[in-house]
PDB file of N, CA and C in Angstrom:
ATOM      1  N   MET A   1      38.811 -22.844 -31.513  1.00  0.00           N
ATOM      2  CA  MET A   1      37.416 -22.793 -31.894  1.00  0.00           C
ATOM      3  C   MET A   1      36.695 -21.761 -31.017  1.00  0.00           C
ATOM      4  N   LYS A   2      36.037 -20.831 -31.650  1.00  0.00           N
ATOM      5  CA  LYS A   2      35.338 -19.770 -30.930  1.00  0.00           C
ATOM      6  C   LYS A   2      33.896 -20.179 -30.662  1.00  0.00           C
ATOM      7  N   ARG A   3      33.460 -19.976 -29.419  1.00  0.00           N
ATOM      8  CA  ARG A   3      32.084 -20.329 -29.048  1.00  0.00           C
ATOM      9  C   ARG A   3      31.174 -19.123 -29.170  1.00  0.00           C
ATOM     10  N   LYS A   4      29.967 -19.377 -29.603  1.00  0.00           N
ATOM     11  CA  LYS A   4      28.967 -18.319 -29.675  1.00  0.00           C
ATOM     12  C   LYS A   4      28.203 -18.278 -28.359  1.00  0.00           C
ATOM     13  N   THR A   5      27.982 -17.099 -27.899  1.00  0.00           N
ATOM     14  CA  THR A   5      27.187 -16.924 -26.696  1.00  0.00           C
ATOM     15  C   THR A   5      25.813 -16.413 -27.100  1.00  0.00           C
ATOM     16  N   ILE A   6      24.807 -17.108 -26.665  1.00  0.00           N
ATOM     17  CA  ILE A   6      23.446 -16.696 -26.953  1.00  0.00           C
ATOM     18  C   ILE A   6      22.898 -16.010 -25.707  1.00  0.00           C
ATOM     19  N   LYS A   7      22.455 -14.795 -25.899  1.00  0.00           N
ATOM     20  CA  LYS A   7      21.895 -14.048 -24.785  1.00  0.00           C
ATOM     21  C   LYS A   7      20.396 -13.931 -24.990  1.00  0.00           C
ATOM     22  N   LYS A   8      19.669 -14.233 -23.958  1.00  0.00           N
ATOM     23  CA  LYS A   8      18.221 -14.115 -24.015  1.00  0.00           C
ATOM     24  C   LYS A   8      17.818 -12.938 -23.140  1.00  0.00           C
ATOM     25  N   THR A   9      17.045 -12.057 -23.715  1.00  0.00           N
ATOM     26  CA  THR A   9      16.568 -10.911 -22.969  1.00  0.00           C
ATOM     27  C   THR A   9      15.108 -11.138 -22.624  1.00  0.00           C
ATOM     28  N   GLU A  10      14.768 -10.968 -21.359  1.00  0.00           N
ATOM     29  CA  GLU A  10      13.383 -11.111 -20.936  1.00  0.00           C
ATOM     30  C   GLU A  10      12.856  -9.757 -20.487  1.00  0.00           C
ATOM     31  N   LYS A  11      11.637  -9.499 -20.844  1.00  0.00           N
ATOM     32  CA  LYS A  11      10.981  -8.270 -20.425  1.00  0.00           C
ATOM     33  C   LYS A  11      10.353  -8.522 -19.058  1.00  0.00           C
ATOM     34  N   VAL A  12      10.608  -7.628 -18.123  1.00  0.00           N
ATOM     35  CA  VAL A  12      10.050  -7.758 -16.782  1.00  0.00           C
ATOM     36  C   VAL A  12       9.023  -6.657 -16.590  1.00  0.00           C
ATOM     37  N   LEU A  13       7.839  -7.065 -16.199  1.00  0.00           N
ATOM     38  CA  LEU A  13       6.769  -6.110 -15.933  1.00  0.00           C
ATOM     39  C   LEU A  13       6.574  -5.981 -14.433  1.00  0.00           C
ATOM     40  N   GLU A  14       6.253  -4.790 -14.001  1.00  0.00           N
ATOM     41  CA  GLU A  14       5.970  -4.552 -12.587  1.00  0.00           C
ATOM     42  C   GLU A  14       4.540  -4.043 -12.486  1.00  0.00           C
ATOM     43  N   TYR A  15       3.722  -4.786 -11.759  1.00  0.00           N
ATOM     44  CA  TYR A  15       2.336  -4.403 -11.538  1.00  0.00           C
ATOM     45  C   TYR A  15       2.160  -3.874 -10.129  1.00  0.00           C
ATOM     46  N   GLU A  16       1.188  -2.993  -9.947  1.00  0.00           N
ATOM     47  CA  GLU A  16       0.813  -2.548  -8.604  1.00  0.00           C
ATOM     48  C   GLU A  16      -0.262  -3.494  -8.091  1.00  0.00           C
ATOM     49  N   LEU A  17      -0.001  -4.088  -6.955  1.00  0.00           N
ATOM     50  CA  LEU A  17      -0.956  -5.002  -6.330  1.00  0.00           C
ATOM     51  C   LEU A  17      -1.460  -4.371  -5.045  1.00  0.00           C
ATOM     52  N   PRO A  18      -2.635  -3.740  -5.074  1.00  0.00           N
ATOM     53  CA  PRO A  18      -3.162  -3.192  -3.823  1.00  0.00           C
ATOM     54  C   PRO A  18      -3.602  -4.357  -2.931  1.00  0.00           C
ATOM     55  N   VAL A  19      -3.142  -4.348  -1.700  1.00  0.00           N
ATOM     56  CA  VAL A  19      -3.421  -5.453  -0.783  1.00  0.00           C
ATOM     57  C   VAL A  19      -4.014  -4.906   0.511  1.00  0.00           C
ATOM     58  N   LYS A  20      -5.050  -5.558   0.965  1.00  0.00           N
ATOM     59  CA  LYS A  20      -5.629  -5.242   2.273  1.00  0.00           C
ATOM     60  C   LYS A  20      -5.431  -6.470   3.149  1.00  0.00           C
ATOM     61  N   ILE A  21      -5.063  -6.241   4.411  1.00  0.00           N
ATOM     62  CA  ILE A  21      -4.794  -7.342   5.338  1.00  0.00           C
ATOM     63  C   ILE A  21      -5.743  -7.239   6.523  1.00  0.00           C
ATOM     64  N   GLU A  22      -6.338  -8.374   6.881  1.00  0.00           N
ATOM     65  CA  GLU A  22      -7.245  -8.429   8.026  1.00  0.00           C
ATOM     66  C   GLU A  22      -6.867  -9.615   8.907  1.00  0.00           C
ATOM     67  N   PRO A  23      -6.974  -9.431  10.233  1.00  0.00           N
ATOM     68  CA  PRO A  23      -6.731 -10.567  11.127  1.00  0.00           C
ATOM     69  C   PRO A  23      -7.819 -11.628  10.923  1.00  0.00           C
ATOM     70  N   GLN A  24      -7.425 -12.913  11.002  1.00  0.00           N
ATOM     71  CA  GLN A  24      -8.390 -13.989  10.814  1.00  0.00           C
ATOM     72  C   GLN A  24      -7.921 -15.249  11.525  1.00  0.00           C
ATOM     73  N   ASP A  25      -8.674 -15.723  12.461  1.00  0.00           N
ATOM     74  CA  ASP A  25      -8.419 -16.989  13.160  1.00  0.00           C
ATOM     75  C   ASP A  25      -6.962 -17.176  13.592  1.00  0.00           C
ATOM     76  N   GLY A  26      -6.392 -16.208  14.273  1.00  0.00           N
ATOM     77  CA  GLY A  26      -5.018 -16.313  14.759  1.00  0.00           C
ATOM     78  C   GLY A  26      -3.963 -16.048  13.708  1.00  0.00           C
ATOM     79  N   GLY A  27      -4.377 -15.704  12.500  1.00  0.00           N
ATOM     80  CA  GLY A  27      -3.440 -15.399  11.424  1.00  0.00           C
ATOM     81  C   GLY A  27      -3.910 -14.158  10.689  1.00  0.00           C
ATOM     82  N   TYR A  28      -3.542 -14.073   9.440  1.00  0.00           N
ATOM     83  CA  TYR A  28      -3.902 -12.898   8.643  1.00  0.00           C
ATOM     84  C   TYR A  28      -4.374 -13.320   7.263  1.00  0.00           C
ATOM     85  N   PHE A  29      -5.387 -12.602   6.777  1.00  0.00           N
ATOM     86  CA  PHE A  29      -5.952 -12.823   5.459  1.00  0.00           C
ATOM     87  C   PHE A  29      -5.600 -11.615   4.602  1.00  0.00           C
ATOM     88  N   ALA A  30      -4.932 -11.848   3.482  1.00  0.00           N
ATOM     89  CA  ALA A  30      -4.553 -10.771   2.566  1.00  0.00           C
ATOM     90  C   ALA A  30      -5.353 -10.948   1.283  1.00  0.00           C
ATOM     91  N   PHE A  31      -5.882  -9.832   0.767  1.00  0.00           N
ATOM     92  CA  PHE A  31      -6.630  -9.910  -0.483  1.00  0.00           C
ATOM     93  C   PHE A  31      -6.462  -8.625  -1.271  1.00  0.00           C
ATOM     94  N   CYS A  32      -6.680  -8.749  -2.568  1.00  0.00           N
ATOM     95  CA  CYS A  32      -6.598  -7.611  -3.462  1.00  0.00           C
ATOM     96  C   CYS A  32      -8.018  -7.142  -3.756  1.00  0.00           C
ATOM     97  N   PRO A  33      -8.371  -5.908  -3.350  1.00  0.00           N
ATOM     98  CA  PRO A  33      -9.725  -5.413  -3.594  1.00  0.00           C
ATOM     99  C   PRO A  33     -10.081  -5.303  -5.083  1.00  0.00           C
ATOM    100  N   LYS A  34      -9.080  -5.213  -5.954  1.00  0.00           N
ATOM    101  CA  LYS A  34      -9.306  -5.084  -7.400  1.00  0.00           C
ATOM    102  C   LYS A  34      -9.413  -6.435  -8.113  1.00  0.00           C
ATOM    103  N   TRP A  35      -9.028  -7.524  -7.440  1.00  0.00           N
ATOM    104  CA  TRP A  35      -8.909  -8.817  -8.109  1.00  0.00           C
ATOM    105  C   TRP A  35      -9.444  -9.912  -7.195  1.00  0.00           C
ATOM    106  N   SER A  36     -10.667 -10.341  -7.436  1.00  0.00           N
ATOM    107  CA  SER A  36     -11.328 -11.291  -6.537  1.00  0.00           C
ATOM    108  C   SER A  36     -10.627 -12.653  -6.484  1.00  0.00           C
ATOM    109  N   ASP A  37      -9.863 -13.012  -7.524  1.00  0.00           N
ATOM    110  CA  ASP A  37      -9.140 -14.293  -7.531  1.00  0.00           C
ATOM    111  C   ASP A  37      -7.866 -14.266  -6.699  1.00  0.00           C
ATOM    112  N   CYS A  38      -7.430 -13.087  -6.280  1.00  0.00           N
ATOM    113  CA  CYS A  38      -6.123 -12.933  -5.643  1.00  0.00           C
ATOM    114  C   CYS A  38      -6.262 -12.730  -4.136  1.00  0.00           C
ATOM    115  N   TYR A  39      -6.010 -13.809  -3.390  1.00  0.00           N
ATOM    116  CA  TYR A  39      -6.069 -13.743  -1.931  1.00  0.00           C
ATOM    117  C   TYR A  39      -5.179 -14.837  -1.349  1.00  0.00           C
ATOM    118  N   ALA A  40      -4.793 -14.660  -0.099  1.00  0.00           N
ATOM    119  CA  ALA A  40      -3.931 -15.638   0.573  1.00  0.00           C
ATOM    120  C   ALA A  40      -4.037 -15.437   2.079  1.00  0.00           C
ATOM    121  N   GLN A  41      -3.453 -16.347   2.815  1.00  0.00           N
ATOM    122  CA  GLN A  41      -3.413 -16.207   4.268  1.00  0.00           C
ATOM    123  C   GLN A  41      -2.053 -16.622   4.789  1.00  0.00           C
ATOM    124  N   GLY A  42      -1.768 -16.201   6.013  1.00  0.00           N
ATOM    125  CA  GLY A  42      -0.504 -16.556   6.633  1.00  0.00           C
ATOM    126  C   GLY A  42      -0.589 -16.381   8.140  1.00  0.00           C
ATOM    127  N   ASP A  43       0.370 -16.951   8.836  1.00  0.00           N
ATOM    128  CA  ASP A  43       0.410 -16.834  10.294  1.00  0.00           C
ATOM    129  C   ASP A  43       0.832 -15.435  10.731  1.00  0.00           C
ATOM    130  N   THR A  44       1.620 -14.753   9.882  1.00  0.00           N
ATOM    131  CA  THR A  44       2.070 -13.389  10.172  1.00  0.00           C
ATOM    132  C   THR A  44       1.706 -12.496   8.987  1.00  0.00           C
ATOM    133  N   VAL A  45       1.794 -11.192   9.195  1.00  0.00           N
ATOM    134  CA  VAL A  45       1.540 -10.248   8.107  1.00  0.00           C
ATOM    135  C   VAL A  45       2.533 -10.491   6.975  1.00  0.00           C
ATOM    136  N   GLU A  46       3.806 -10.676   7.326  1.00  0.00           N
ATOM    137  CA  GLU A  46       4.846 -10.899   6.324  1.00  0.00           C
ATOM    138  C   GLU A  46       4.576 -12.157   5.505  1.00  0.00           C
ATOM    139  N   GLU A  47       4.136 -13.214   6.166  1.00  0.00           N
ATOM    140  CA  GLU A  47       3.837 -14.464   5.467  1.00  0.00           C
ATOM    141  C   GLU A  47       2.635 -14.290   4.538  1.00  0.00           C
ATOM    142  N   ALA A  48       1.606 -13.585   4.998  1.00  0.00           N
ATOM    143  CA  ALA A  48       0.432 -13.333   4.157  1.00  0.00           C
ATOM    144  C   ALA A  48       0.819 -12.507   2.932  1.00  0.00           C
ATOM    145  N   LEU A  49       1.689 -11.504   3.107  1.00  0.00           N
ATOM    146  CA  LEU A  49       2.148 -10.694   1.975  1.00  0.00           C
ATOM    147  C   LEU A  49       2.976 -11.515   0.999  1.00  0.00           C
ATOM    148  N   SER A  50       3.834 -12.363   1.519  1.00  0.00           N
ATOM    149  CA  SER A  50       4.656 -13.223   0.669  1.00  0.00           C
ATOM    150  C   SER A  50       3.770 -14.183  -0.130  1.00  0.00           C
ATOM    151  N   GLU A  51       2.786 -14.758   0.530  1.00  0.00           N
ATOM    152  CA  GLU A  51       1.888 -15.704  -0.133  1.00  0.00           C
ATOM    153  C   GLU A  51       1.045 -15.033  -1.213  1.00  0.00           C
ATOM    154  N   ILE A  52       0.517 -13.837  -0.933  1.00  0.00           N
ATOM    155  CA  ILE A  52      -0.308 -13.173  -1.937  1.00  0.00           C
ATOM    156  C   ILE A  52       0.545 -12.733  -3.128  1.00  0.00           C
ATOM    157  N   ASN A  53       1.799 -12.432  -2.882  1.00  0.00           N
ATOM    158  CA  ASN A  53       2.703 -12.095  -3.978  1.00  0.00           C
ATOM    159  C   ASN A  53       2.873 -13.304  -4.898  1.00  0.00           C
ATOM    160  N   LEU A  54       3.068 -14.488  -4.325  1.00  0.00           N
ATOM    161  CA  LEU A  54       3.197 -15.711  -5.118  1.00  0.00           C
ATOM    162  C   LEU A  54       1.915 -16.018  -5.876  1.00  0.00           C
ATOM    163  N   VAL A  55       0.779 -15.822  -5.218  1.00  0.00           N
ATOM    164  CA  VAL A  55      -0.516 -16.042  -5.872  1.00  0.00           C
ATOM    165  C   VAL A  55      -0.662 -15.099  -7.060  1.00  0.00           C
ATOM    166  N   ALA A  56      -0.333 -13.820  -6.867  1.00  0.00           N
ATOM    167  CA  ALA A  56      -0.448 -12.835  -7.943  1.00  0.00           C
ATOM    168  C   ALA A  56       0.458 -13.194  -9.114  1.00  0.00           C
ATOM    169  N   GLN A  57       1.688 -13.601  -8.829  1.00  0.00           N
ATOM    170  CA  GLN A  57       2.610 -13.995  -9.905  1.00  0.00           C
ATOM    171  C   GLN A  57       2.035 -15.157 -10.712  1.00  0.00           C
ATOM    172  N   THR A  58       1.515 -16.139 -10.017  1.00  0.00           N
ATOM    173  CA  THR A  58       0.941 -17.308 -10.681  1.00  0.00           C
ATOM    174  C   THR A  58      -0.286 -16.928 -11.506  1.00  0.00           C
ATOM    175  N   LEU A  59      -1.162 -16.115 -10.923  1.00  0.00           N
ATOM    176  CA  LEU A  59      -2.357 -15.682 -11.645  1.00  0.00           C
ATOM    177  C   LEU A  59      -1.997 -14.874 -12.891  1.00  0.00           C
ATOM    178  N   ILE A  60      -1.012 -14.006 -12.778  1.00  0.00           N
ATOM    179  CA  ILE A  60      -0.601 -13.195 -13.930  1.00  0.00           C
ATOM    180  C   ILE A  60      -0.116 -14.105 -15.054  1.00  0.00           C
ATOM    181  N   GLU A  61       0.683 -15.100 -14.716  1.00  0.00           N
ATOM    182  CA  GLU A  61       1.175 -16.031 -15.730  1.00  0.00           C
ATOM    183  C   GLU A  61       0.014 -16.782 -16.389  1.00  0.00           C
ATOM    184  N   ILE A  62      -0.936 -17.240 -15.599  1.00  0.00           N
ATOM    185  CA  ILE A  62      -2.097 -17.961 -16.137  1.00  0.00           C
ATOM    186  C   ILE A  62      -2.935 -17.034 -17.015  1.00  0.00           C
ATOM    187  N   TYR A  63      -3.190 -15.826 -16.533  1.00  0.00           N
ATOM    188  CA  TYR A  63      -3.990 -14.875 -17.307  1.00  0.00           C
ATOM    189  C   TYR A  63      -3.297 -14.537 -18.631  1.00  0.00           C
ATOM    190  N   GLN A  64      -1.968 -14.394 -18.606  1.00  0.00           N
ATOM    191  CA  GLN A  64      -1.229 -14.119 -19.844  1.00  0.00           C
ATOM    192  C   GLN A  64      -1.365 -15.280 -20.818  1.00  0.00           C
ATOM    193  N   GLU A  65      -1.212 -16.511 -20.328  1.00  0.00           N
ATOM    194  CA  GLU A  65      -1.326 -17.688 -21.190  1.00  0.00           C
ATOM    195  C   GLU A  65      -2.723 -17.797 -21.800  1.00  0.00           C
ATOM    196  N   GLU A  66      -3.732 -17.490 -21.015  1.00  0.00           N
ATOM    197  CA  GLU A  66      -5.116 -17.604 -21.467  1.00  0.00           C
ATOM    198  C   GLU A  66      -5.617 -16.336 -22.164  1.00  0.00           C
ATOM    199  N   GLU A  67      -4.738 -15.344 -22.265  1.00  0.00           N
ATOM    200  CA  GLU A  67      -5.067 -14.050 -22.870  1.00  0.00           C
ATOM    201  C   GLU A  67      -6.274 -13.395 -22.208  1.00  0.00           C
ATOM    202  N   ILE A  68      -6.276 -13.444 -20.878  1.00  0.00           N
ATOM    203  CA  ILE A  68      -7.305 -12.802 -20.067  1.00  0.00           C
ATOM    204  C   ILE A  68      -6.731 -11.483 -19.545  1.00  0.00           C
ATOM    205  N   ARG A  69      -7.563 -10.461 -19.522  1.00  0.00           N
ATOM    206  CA  ARG A  69      -7.120  -9.145 -19.046  1.00  0.00           C
ATOM    207  C   ARG A  69      -6.754  -9.214 -17.563  1.00  0.00           C
ATOM    208  N   ILE A  70      -5.573  -8.732 -17.232  1.00  0.00           N
ATOM    209  CA  ILE A  70      -5.102  -8.680 -15.847  1.00  0.00           C
ATOM    210  C   ILE A  70      -5.661  -7.400 -15.221  1.00  0.00           C
ATOM    211  N   PRO A  71      -6.404  -7.502 -14.118  1.00  0.00           N
ATOM    212  CA  PRO A  71      -7.065  -6.321 -13.555  1.00  0.00           C
ATOM    213  C   PRO A  71      -6.170  -5.436 -12.687  1.00  0.00           C
ATOM    214  N   LEU A  72      -4.887  -5.376 -12.999  1.00  0.00           N
ATOM    215  CA  LEU A  72      -3.948  -4.549 -12.242  1.00  0.00           C
ATOM    216  C   LEU A  72      -3.341  -3.503 -13.163  1.00  0.00           C
ATOM    217  N   SER A  73      -2.871  -2.422 -12.577  1.00  0.00           N
ATOM    218  CA  SER A  73      -2.170  -1.386 -13.327  1.00  0.00           C
ATOM    219  C   SER A  73      -0.676  -1.674 -13.294  1.00  0.00           C
ATOM    220  N   LEU A  74      -0.008  -1.280 -14.362  1.00  0.00           N
ATOM    221  CA  LEU A  74       1.453  -1.338 -14.311  1.00  0.00           C
ATOM    222  C   LEU A  74       1.913  -0.303 -13.294  1.00  0.00           C
ATOM    223  N   ALA A  75       2.993  -0.593 -12.603  1.00  0.00           N
ATOM    224  CA  ALA A  75       3.479   0.261 -11.521  1.00  0.00           C
ATOM    225  C   ALA A  75       3.813   1.656 -12.030  1.00  0.00           C
ATOM    226  N   GLU A  76       3.485   2.638 -11.207  1.00  0.00           N
ATOM    227  CA  GLU A  76       3.833   4.029 -11.497  1.00  0.00           C
ATOM    228  C   GLU A  76       5.162   4.344 -10.840  1.00  0.00           C
ATOM    229  N   SER A  77       5.794   5.393 -11.286  1.00  0.00           N
ATOM    230  CA  SER A  77       7.098   5.742 -10.726  1.00  0.00           C
ATOM    231  C   SER A  77       6.990   6.288  -9.300  1.00  0.00           C
ATOM    232  N   VAL A  78       5.876   6.909  -8.960  1.00  0.00           N
ATOM    233  CA  VAL A  78       5.696   7.467  -7.620  1.00  0.00           C
ATOM    234  C   VAL A  78       4.708   6.603  -6.854  1.00  0.00           C
ATOM    235  N   PRO A  79       5.133   5.973  -5.742  1.00  0.00           N
ATOM    236  CA  PRO A  79       4.211   5.135  -4.979  1.00  0.00           C
ATOM    237  C   PRO A  79       3.134   5.968  -4.287  1.00  0.00           C
ATOM    238  N   LYS A  80       1.964   5.387  -4.192  1.00  0.00           N
ATOM    239  CA  LYS A  80       0.858   6.059  -3.504  1.00  0.00           C
ATOM    240  C   LYS A  80       0.831   5.607  -2.058  1.00  0.00           C
ATOM    241  N   ILE A  81       0.535   6.533  -1.183  1.00  0.00           N
ATOM    242  CA  ILE A  81       0.507   6.214   0.237  1.00  0.00           C
ATOM    243  C   ILE A  81      -0.939   6.303   0.713  1.00  0.00           C
ATOM    244  N   GLY A  82      -1.376   5.333   1.469  1.00  0.00           N
ATOM    245  CA  GLY A  82      -2.741   5.338   1.964  1.00  0.00           C
ATOM    246  C   GLY A  82      -2.991   4.101   2.798  1.00  0.00           C
ATOM    247  N   GLU A  83      -4.248   3.793   2.990  1.00  0.00           N
ATOM    248  CA  GLU A  83      -4.624   2.666   3.829  1.00  0.00           C
ATOM    249  C   GLU A  83      -4.300   1.324   3.165  1.00  0.00           C
ATOM    250  N   ILE A  84      -4.371   1.288   1.856  1.00  0.00           N
ATOM    251  CA  ILE A  84      -4.094   0.051   1.132  1.00  0.00           C
ATOM    252  C   ILE A  84      -2.627   0.035   0.720  1.00  0.00           C
ATOM    253  N   ILE A  85      -1.963  -1.082   0.958  1.00  0.00           N
ATOM    254  CA  ILE A  85      -0.546  -1.234   0.616  1.00  0.00           C
ATOM    255  C   ILE A  85      -0.428  -1.480  -0.882  1.00  0.00           C
ATOM    256  N   LYS A  86       0.477  -0.770  -1.539  1.00  0.00           N
ATOM    257  CA  LYS A  86       0.773  -1.012  -2.951  1.00  0.00           C
ATOM    258  C   LYS A  86       2.012  -1.891  -2.999  1.00  0.00           C
ATOM    259  N   MET A  87       1.846  -3.110  -3.453  1.00  0.00           N
ATOM    260  CA  MET A  87       2.924  -4.077  -3.429  1.00  0.00           C
ATOM    261  C   MET A  87       3.302  -4.459  -4.845  1.00  0.00           C
ATOM    262  N   PRO A  88       4.569  -4.306  -5.226  1.00  0.00           N
ATOM    263  CA  PRO A  88       4.946  -4.662  -6.602  1.00  0.00           C
ATOM    264  C   PRO A  88       4.990  -6.179  -6.797  1.00  0.00           C
ATOM    265  N   VAL A  89       4.591  -6.598  -7.988  1.00  0.00           N
ATOM    266  CA  VAL A  89       4.675  -8.004  -8.380  1.00  0.00           C
ATOM    267  C   VAL A  89       5.426  -8.033  -9.710  1.00  0.00           C
ATOM    268  N   PHE A  90       6.508  -8.771  -9.776  1.00  0.00           N
ATOM    269  CA  PHE A  90       7.326  -8.839 -10.977  1.00  0.00           C
ATOM    270  C   PHE A  90       7.106 -10.176 -11.673  1.00  0.00           C
ATOM    271  N   VAL A  91       6.896 -10.131 -12.982  1.00  0.00           N
ATOM    272  CA  VAL A  91       6.768 -11.352 -13.785  1.00  0.00           C
ATOM    273  C   VAL A  91       7.491 -11.136 -15.100  1.00  0.00           C
ATOM    274  N   THR A  92       7.950 -12.208 -15.690  1.00  0.00           N
ATOM    275  CA  THR A  92       8.562 -12.077 -17.013  1.00  0.00           C
ATOM    276  C   THR A  92       7.471 -12.203 -18.058  1.00  0.00           C
ATOM    277  N   ALA A  93       7.590 -11.408 -19.109  1.00  0.00           N
ATOM    278  CA  ALA A  93       6.564 -11.413 -20.150  1.00  0.00           C
ATOM    279  C   ALA A  93       7.037 -12.175 -21.353  1.00  0.00           C
TER     280      ALA A  93
END
């Protein structure tokens, strides 16, 4: 008996998440200047970046479900260098 294999293909989108980090009460506050709903904090810079990435992923999923415009650009092939960190956020569409 031959088994059928079902393959599911998911589309992955990559958004540019500009993040600014500021010291705050012994830790760090990370926020997206383009998206007032997207912010997080952590004890270290790495933790704050990890947390804001999770927040962005969750917000993108919620915005997609509610059909709300996501205020981020899809990632460009050439990263921009400057004072604000461009951090990719991956979500399945």
